[in-house]
Amino acid sequence: MRWGFVWRAASRFVAGERLEDGLRAIRELEAMGIGGILDHLGENVESAADAMRATEDYLLALDHLTALGMRPHLAVKLTHLGLDIGEEICEGNLRRVIERAAQVGTVVEIDMESSVYTERTLRLYRRLAPQYPNTRVAIQAYLYRSREDVERLIEEGIARIRLCKGAYQEPPHIAYPRKRDVDASYVRLMERLLSAEARQRGAYVAIATHDERIIQHALRRIAEWEVPRDAFEFQMLYGIRRDLQISLARQGYTVRVYVPYGTEWYPYFMRRLGERPANVWFVVRNLLRA
């Protein structure tokens, strides 16, 4: 993390280390008609005090956004709020963030971490979602269990979902190992959430992918099924496919970009390297020159 070239590579995906950096990036996106999702990077805190500090950071971010008249969504990782320490601690911290977000009129998107946390994350979401409609949860298409999870959330009327493929390394008995199977799973889940039956039960899907083939497939289904534009949106990551983000926004679709910031950028960057091997070669070339 001390090597400048590593940060130069990471800065493609991370707005900066300070809250001000994240706010600047969101302002730039909003100027192009694109919404933001502010993510204060951090995960797997080891003490209740650390979880409390992370919670206060989220609340501070919401205060800054309110003062500036900005309403981007807020993304949270539950291990940043103390899930490894205990569900009660995490739930208390999460409630504080969600309640403050509701007061200022914005949404909290609960990130999904590795499969070790899937059940606990969904359990907390189920407890809070009926009371707080300004919450969403991520579902990872590469997990075998996701089809059942989506059906259950639809049945419960709380299928407010950020649908992504999944970026954590998972064993083949838990997740599809082949990309084509992950893509097929993604399309199945996306179509289910866009279906008239799901929408009648309150389903909302954030189509979180940079895969242009899947996006074009989604657009065909949306037109064919006459899906209203308040039932879905497109989401992408900061620094990836800006051209596609702008194109969709110009067509009148809701587009949000996940904007991470903070000093704990290294784990996030490593997951982006895993998704895009070309970035690995950038780091290796610079390492050899060092």
Protein backbone atom coordinates (compact mmCIF):
# COMPACT_ATOMS: atom_id res chain seq x y z
CA MET A 1 0.00 0.00 0.00
CA ARG A 2 3.00 2.34 0.44
CA TRP A 3 4.06 1.96 -3.20
CA GLY A 4 2.73 4.80 -5.29
CA PHE A 5 2.18 2.74 -8.44
CA VAL A 6 -0.17 0.40 -6.55
CA TRP A 7 -2.30 3.37 -5.54
CA ARG A 8 -2.19 4.67 -9.12
CA ALA A 9 -3.68 1.37 -10.26
CA ALA A 10 -6.21 1.35 -7.41
CA SER A 11 -7.24 4.95 -8.05
CA ARG A 12 -9.00 3.80 -11.20
CA PHE A 13 -11.54 2.10 -8.93
CA VAL A 14 -11.37 4.20 -5.73
CA ALA A 15 -12.25 7.90 -5.59
CA GLY A 16 -9.68 8.64 -2.88
CA GLU A 17 -8.97 8.15 0.80
CA ARG A 18 -11.12 11.01 2.17
CA LEU A 19 -14.85 11.62 2.29
CA GLU A 20 -14.25 14.77 0.24
CA ASP A 21 -12.85 12.60 -2.56
CA GLY A 22 -16.01 10.50 -2.63
CA LEU A 23 -18.22 13.60 -2.66
CA ARG A 24 -16.20 15.12 -5.51
CA ALA A 25 -16.61 11.96 -7.59
CA ILE A 26 -20.37 11.93 -6.95
CA ARG A 27 -20.69 15.57 -7.98
CA GLU A 28 -18.91 14.76 -11.25
CA LEU A 29 -21.30 11.87 -11.88
CA GLU A 30 -24.37 13.94 -11.08
CA ALA A 31 -23.23 16.55 -13.61
CA MET A 32 -23.56 13.79 -16.23
CA GLY A 33 -27.00 12.71 -15.05
CA ILE A 34 -25.68 9.69 -13.14
CA GLY A 35 -26.47 8.96 -9.49
CA GLY A 36 -23.95 7.83 -6.91
CA ILE A 37 -23.70 5.16 -4.23
CA LEU A 38 -21.21 6.28 -1.59
CA ASP A 39 -19.19 3.46 -0.05
CA HIS A 40 -16.87 4.05 2.91
CA LEU A 41 -14.43 1.19 2.48
CA GLY A 42 -13.79 -1.16 5.37
CA GLU A 43 -14.69 -4.66 6.50
CA ASN A 44 -14.11 -7.30 9.18
CA VAL A 45 -13.56 -4.95 12.11
CA GLU A 46 -12.35 -6.75 15.22
CA SER A 47 -13.88 -4.76 18.08
CA ALA A 48 -17.12 -3.10 19.05
CA ALA A 49 -15.24 0.19 19.25
CA ASP A 50 -14.09 -0.14 15.64
CA ALA A 51 -17.64 -0.95 14.54
CA MET A 52 -18.90 2.11 16.38
CA ARG A 53 -16.28 4.30 14.69
CA ALA A 54 -17.35 2.97 11.29
CA THR A 55 -20.99 3.72 12.15
CA GLU A 56 -20.10 7.27 13.13
CA ASP A 57 -18.24 7.67 9.84
CA TYR A 58 -21.38 6.68 7.93
CA LEU A 59 -23.48 9.11 9.97
CA LEU A 60 -20.92 11.86 9.36
CA ALA A 61 -21.08 11.16 5.62
CA LEU A 62 -24.87 11.49 5.73
CA ASP A 63 -24.56 14.80 7.59
CA HIS A 64 -22.16 16.13 4.94
CA LEU A 65 -24.43 14.99 2.12
CA THR A 66 -27.43 16.68 3.75
CA ALA A 67 -25.53 19.93 4.21
CA LEU A 68 -24.59 19.87 0.53
CA GLY A 69 -28.11 19.01 -0.62
CA MET A 70 -26.93 15.70 -2.08
CA ARG A 71 -28.88 12.43 -1.88
CA PRO A 72 -26.71 9.59 -3.16
CA HIS A 73 -27.36 6.13 -1.81
CA LEU A 74 -25.12 4.74 0.91
CA ALA A 75 -23.52 1.28 0.66
CA VAL A 76 -22.55 -0.61 3.82
CA LYS A 77 -20.76 -3.87 4.56
CA LEU A 78 -22.10 -5.58 7.66
CA THR A 79 -18.68 -6.80 8.80
CA HIS A 80 -17.70 -3.11 8.88
CA LEU A 81 -20.55 -2.57 11.34
CA GLY A 82 -19.55 -5.48 13.58
CA LEU A 83 -21.13 -8.64 12.16
CA ASP A 84 -18.07 -10.70 13.10
CA ILE A 85 -18.46 -9.52 16.69
CA GLY A 86 -22.17 -10.19 17.01
CA GLU A 87 -25.46 -9.77 15.17
CA GLU A 88 -26.94 -7.60 17.92
CA ILE A 89 -24.07 -5.11 17.73
CA CYS A 90 -24.26 -5.05 13.95
CA GLU A 91 -28.04 -4.65 13.91
CA GLY A 92 -27.90 -1.73 16.33
CA ASN A 93 -25.31 0.06 14.22
CA LEU A 94 -27.15 -0.70 11.00
CA ARG A 95 -30.42 0.63 12.40
CA ARG A 96 -28.75 3.93 13.28
CA VAL A 97 -27.44 4.33 9.73
CA ILE A 98 -30.74 3.33 8.10
CA GLU A 99 -32.79 5.63 10.33
CA ARG A 100 -30.53 8.61 9.62
CA ALA A 101 -30.66 7.83 5.89
CA ALA A 102 -34.47 7.70 6.06
CA GLN A 103 -34.55 11.08 7.78
CA VAL A 104 -32.53 12.68 4.98
CA GLY A 105 -34.42 10.85 2.23
CA THR A 106 -31.92 8.37 0.89
CA VAL A 107 -31.39 4.61 0.57
CA VAL A 108 -28.99 2.21 2.30
CA GLU A 109 -27.74 -0.64 0.13
CA ILE A 110 -26.44 -3.61 2.10
CA ASP A 111 -23.49 -5.17 0.31
CA MET A 112 -23.14 -8.95 0.19
CA GLU A 113 -19.77 -10.28 1.26
CA SER A 114 -18.42 -13.83 1.00
CA SER A 115 -20.77 -16.81 1.36
CA VAL A 116 -19.78 -17.14 5.02
CA TYR A 117 -21.98 -14.10 5.65
CA THR A 118 -24.85 -14.67 3.23
CA GLU A 119 -27.34 -16.19 5.65
CA ARG A 120 -26.63 -13.69 8.43
CA THR A 121 -26.83 -10.76 6.02
CA LEU A 122 -30.20 -11.87 4.69
CA ARG A 123 -31.47 -12.57 8.20
CA LEU A 124 -30.68 -9.00 9.27
CA TYR A 125 -32.17 -7.60 6.08
CA ARG A 126 -35.40 -9.55 6.65
CA ARG A 127 -35.70 -8.16 10.14
CA LEU A 128 -35.23 -4.56 9.06
CA ALA A 129 -36.63 -4.34 5.52
CA PRO A 130 -40.36 -4.43 6.46
CA GLN A 131 -39.82 -1.50 8.83
CA TYR A 132 -37.40 0.42 6.62
CA PRO A 133 -38.40 0.59 2.94
CA ASN A 134 -35.25 2.63 2.24
CA THR A 135 -33.12 -0.53 2.36
CA ARG A 136 -31.88 -2.86 -0.35
CA VAL A 137 -29.71 -5.94 -0.28
CA ALA A 138 -27.24 -7.41 -2.77
CA ILE A 139 -27.74 -10.89 -4.21
CA GLN A 140 -24.86 -12.67 -5.93
CA ALA A 141 -25.82 -14.63 -9.04
CA TYR A 142 -22.88 -17.03 -8.79
CA LEU A 143 -24.20 -18.62 -5.58
CA TYR A 144 -26.39 -21.70 -6.09
CA ARG A 145 -28.64 -20.59 -3.25
CA SER A 146 -29.52 -17.24 -4.84
CA ARG A 147 -32.48 -18.57 -6.83
CA GLU A 148 -34.19 -19.71 -3.64
CA ASP A 149 -33.20 -16.50 -1.83
CA VAL A 150 -34.76 -14.36 -4.56
CA GLU A 151 -37.98 -16.39 -4.54
CA ARG A 152 -38.28 -16.06 -0.79
CA LEU A 153 -37.69 -12.29 -0.88
CA ILE A 154 -40.32 -11.90 -3.61
CA GLU A 155 -42.80 -13.94 -1.58
CA GLU A 156 -42.13 -11.79 1.49
CA GLY A 157 -42.62 -8.58 -0.51
CA ILE A 158 -39.14 -7.22 0.24
CA ALA A 159 -37.27 -8.09 -2.98
CA ARG A 160 -35.44 -4.77 -3.25
CA ILE A 161 -32.31 -6.23 -4.73
CA ARG A 162 -28.96 -5.15 -6.13
CA LEU A 163 -28.24 -8.07 -8.45
CA CYS A 164 -24.53 -8.65 -9.06
CA LYS A 165 -22.47 -11.58 -10.27
CA GLY A 166 -20.22 -11.90 -7.20
CA ALA A 167 -16.55 -11.01 -6.68
CA TYR A 168 -15.37 -13.31 -3.88
CA GLN A 169 -13.49 -16.56 -4.44
CA GLU A 170 -15.94 -19.36 -3.61
CA PRO A 171 -15.58 -23.17 -3.78
CA PRO A 172 -17.42 -25.04 -6.58
CA HIS A 173 -19.87 -26.69 -4.18
CA ILE A 174 -21.18 -23.21 -3.24
CA ALA A 175 -20.92 -21.18 -6.44
CA TYR A 176 -20.88 -21.71 -10.19
CA PRO A 177 -17.21 -21.95 -11.23
CA ARG A 178 -17.77 -21.21 -14.93
CA LYS A 179 -18.56 -17.74 -16.23
CA ARG A 180 -21.21 -18.93 -18.66
CA ASP A 181 -23.14 -20.56 -15.82
CA VAL A 182 -22.86 -17.41 -13.71
CA ASP A 183 -24.15 -15.36 -16.64
CA ALA A 184 -27.06 -17.75 -17.16
CA SER A 185 -27.93 -17.56 -13.47
CA TYR A 186 -27.76 -13.77 -13.59
CA VAL A 187 -30.17 -13.59 -16.52
CA ARG A 188 -32.63 -15.99 -14.84
CA LEU A 189 -32.67 -13.97 -11.63
CA MET A 190 -32.90 -10.66 -13.47
CA GLU A 191 -35.85 -11.84 -15.56
CA ARG A 192 -37.59 -13.17 -12.47
CA LEU A 193 -37.25 -9.82 -10.71
CA LEU A 194 -38.46 -7.94 -13.81
CA SER A 195 -41.49 -10.23 -14.20
CA ALA A 196 -44.98 -8.84 -13.71
CA GLU A 197 -45.64 -11.22 -10.80
CA ALA A 198 -42.54 -10.10 -8.92
CA ARG A 199 -43.29 -6.43 -9.56
CA GLN A 200 -46.82 -6.86 -8.25
CA ARG A 201 -45.22 -8.03 -5.00
CA GLY A 202 -43.05 -4.92 -4.86
CA ALA A 203 -39.86 -6.23 -6.46
CA TYR A 204 -37.24 -3.72 -7.52
CA VAL A 205 -34.01 -4.73 -9.22
CA ALA A 206 -30.77 -2.82 -9.61
CA ILE A 207 -29.10 -4.48 -12.60
CA ALA A 208 -25.51 -4.26 -11.40
CA THR A 209 -23.27 -5.41 -14.24
CA HIS A 210 -20.91 -4.08 -16.91
CA ASP A 211 -21.70 -7.00 -19.20
CA GLU A 212 -23.09 -5.29 -22.28
CA ARG A 213 -24.70 -8.48 -23.59
CA ILE A 214 -26.70 -8.85 -20.39
CA ILE A 215 -27.63 -5.17 -20.39
CA GLN A 216 -28.91 -5.40 -23.97
CA HIS A 217 -30.87 -8.52 -23.04
CA ALA A 218 -32.37 -6.62 -20.10
CA LEU A 219 -33.37 -3.73 -22.36
CA ARG A 220 -35.14 -6.12 -24.73
CA ARG A 221 -37.07 -7.73 -21.89
CA ILE A 222 -37.94 -4.34 -20.38
CA ALA A 223 -39.39 -3.21 -23.70
CA GLU A 224 -41.14 -6.53 -24.39
CA TRP A 225 -42.72 -6.74 -20.94
CA GLU A 226 -43.36 -2.97 -20.70
CA VAL A 227 -41.52 -2.75 -17.40
CA PRO A 228 -41.94 0.74 -15.92
CA ARG A 229 -38.72 2.62 -15.30
CA ASP A 230 -39.45 2.97 -11.61
CA ALA A 231 -39.10 -0.82 -11.21
CA PHE A 232 -35.41 -1.08 -12.07
CA GLU A 233 -32.15 0.76 -12.55
CA PHE A 234 -28.64 0.06 -13.80
CA GLN A 235 -25.63 0.10 -11.51
CA MET A 236 -21.92 0.00 -12.26
CA LEU A 237 -18.62 0.48 -10.48
CA TYR A 238 -16.56 3.64 -10.36
CA GLY A 239 -13.96 3.69 -13.11
CA ILE A 240 -15.47 0.94 -15.24
CA ARG A 241 -17.37 1.47 -18.51
CA ARG A 242 -18.01 5.17 -18.11
CA ASP A 243 -19.08 5.21 -21.76
CA LEU A 244 -21.84 2.70 -21.07
CA GLN A 245 -22.94 4.59 -17.96
CA ILE A 246 -23.31 7.82 -19.95
CA SER A 247 -25.07 6.09 -22.83
CA LEU A 248 -27.74 4.56 -20.58
CA ALA A 249 -28.24 7.81 -18.69
CA ARG A 250 -28.71 9.72 -21.95
CA GLN A 251 -31.40 7.22 -22.92
CA GLY A 252 -33.30 8.23 -19.79
CA TYR A 253 -32.55 5.19 -17.64
CA THR A 254 -31.67 5.53 -13.97
CA VAL A 255 -27.96 4.79 -13.59
CA ARG A 256 -26.05 4.72 -10.32
CA VAL A 257 -22.32 4.27 -9.84
CA TYR A 258 -20.78 2.68 -6.76
CA VAL A 259 -18.18 5.18 -5.50
CA PRO A 260 -15.77 3.76 -2.90
CA TYR A 261 -13.45 5.90 -0.79
CA GLY A 262 -11.33 5.45 2.32
CA THR A 263 -7.97 4.26 3.56
CA GLU A 264 -9.04 0.60 3.59
CA TRP A 265 -8.96 0.35 -0.20
CA TYR A 266 -6.60 -2.60 -0.56
CA PRO A 267 -9.09 -5.54 -0.17
CA TYR A 268 -11.51 -3.82 -2.55
CA PHE A 269 -8.73 -3.25 -5.09
CA MET A 270 -7.66 -6.89 -4.92
CA ARG A 271 -11.18 -8.03 -5.77
CA ARG A 272 -11.16 -5.70 -8.78
CA LEU A 273 -7.84 -7.22 -9.85
CA GLY A 274 -9.44 -10.64 -9.67
CA GLU A 275 -12.23 -9.46 -11.95
CA ARG A 276 -9.93 -7.79 -14.47
CA PRO A 277 -6.55 -9.56 -14.88
CA ALA A 278 -5.18 -6.77 -17.09
CA ASN A 279 -4.79 -4.69 -13.94
CA VAL A 280 -2.55 -7.36 -12.43
CA TRP A 281 -0.03 -6.88 -15.25
CA PHE A 282 0.02 -3.15 -14.59
CA VAL A 283 1.05 -3.79 -11.00
CA VAL A 284 3.56 -6.51 -11.89
CA ARG A 285 5.29 -4.37 -14.53
CA ASN A 286 5.72 -1.55 -12.05
CA LEU A 287 6.86 -3.94 -9.32
CA LEU A 288 9.64 -5.23 -11.55
CA ARG A 289 10.80 -1.67 -12.17
CA ALA A 290 10.85 -0.81 -8.48
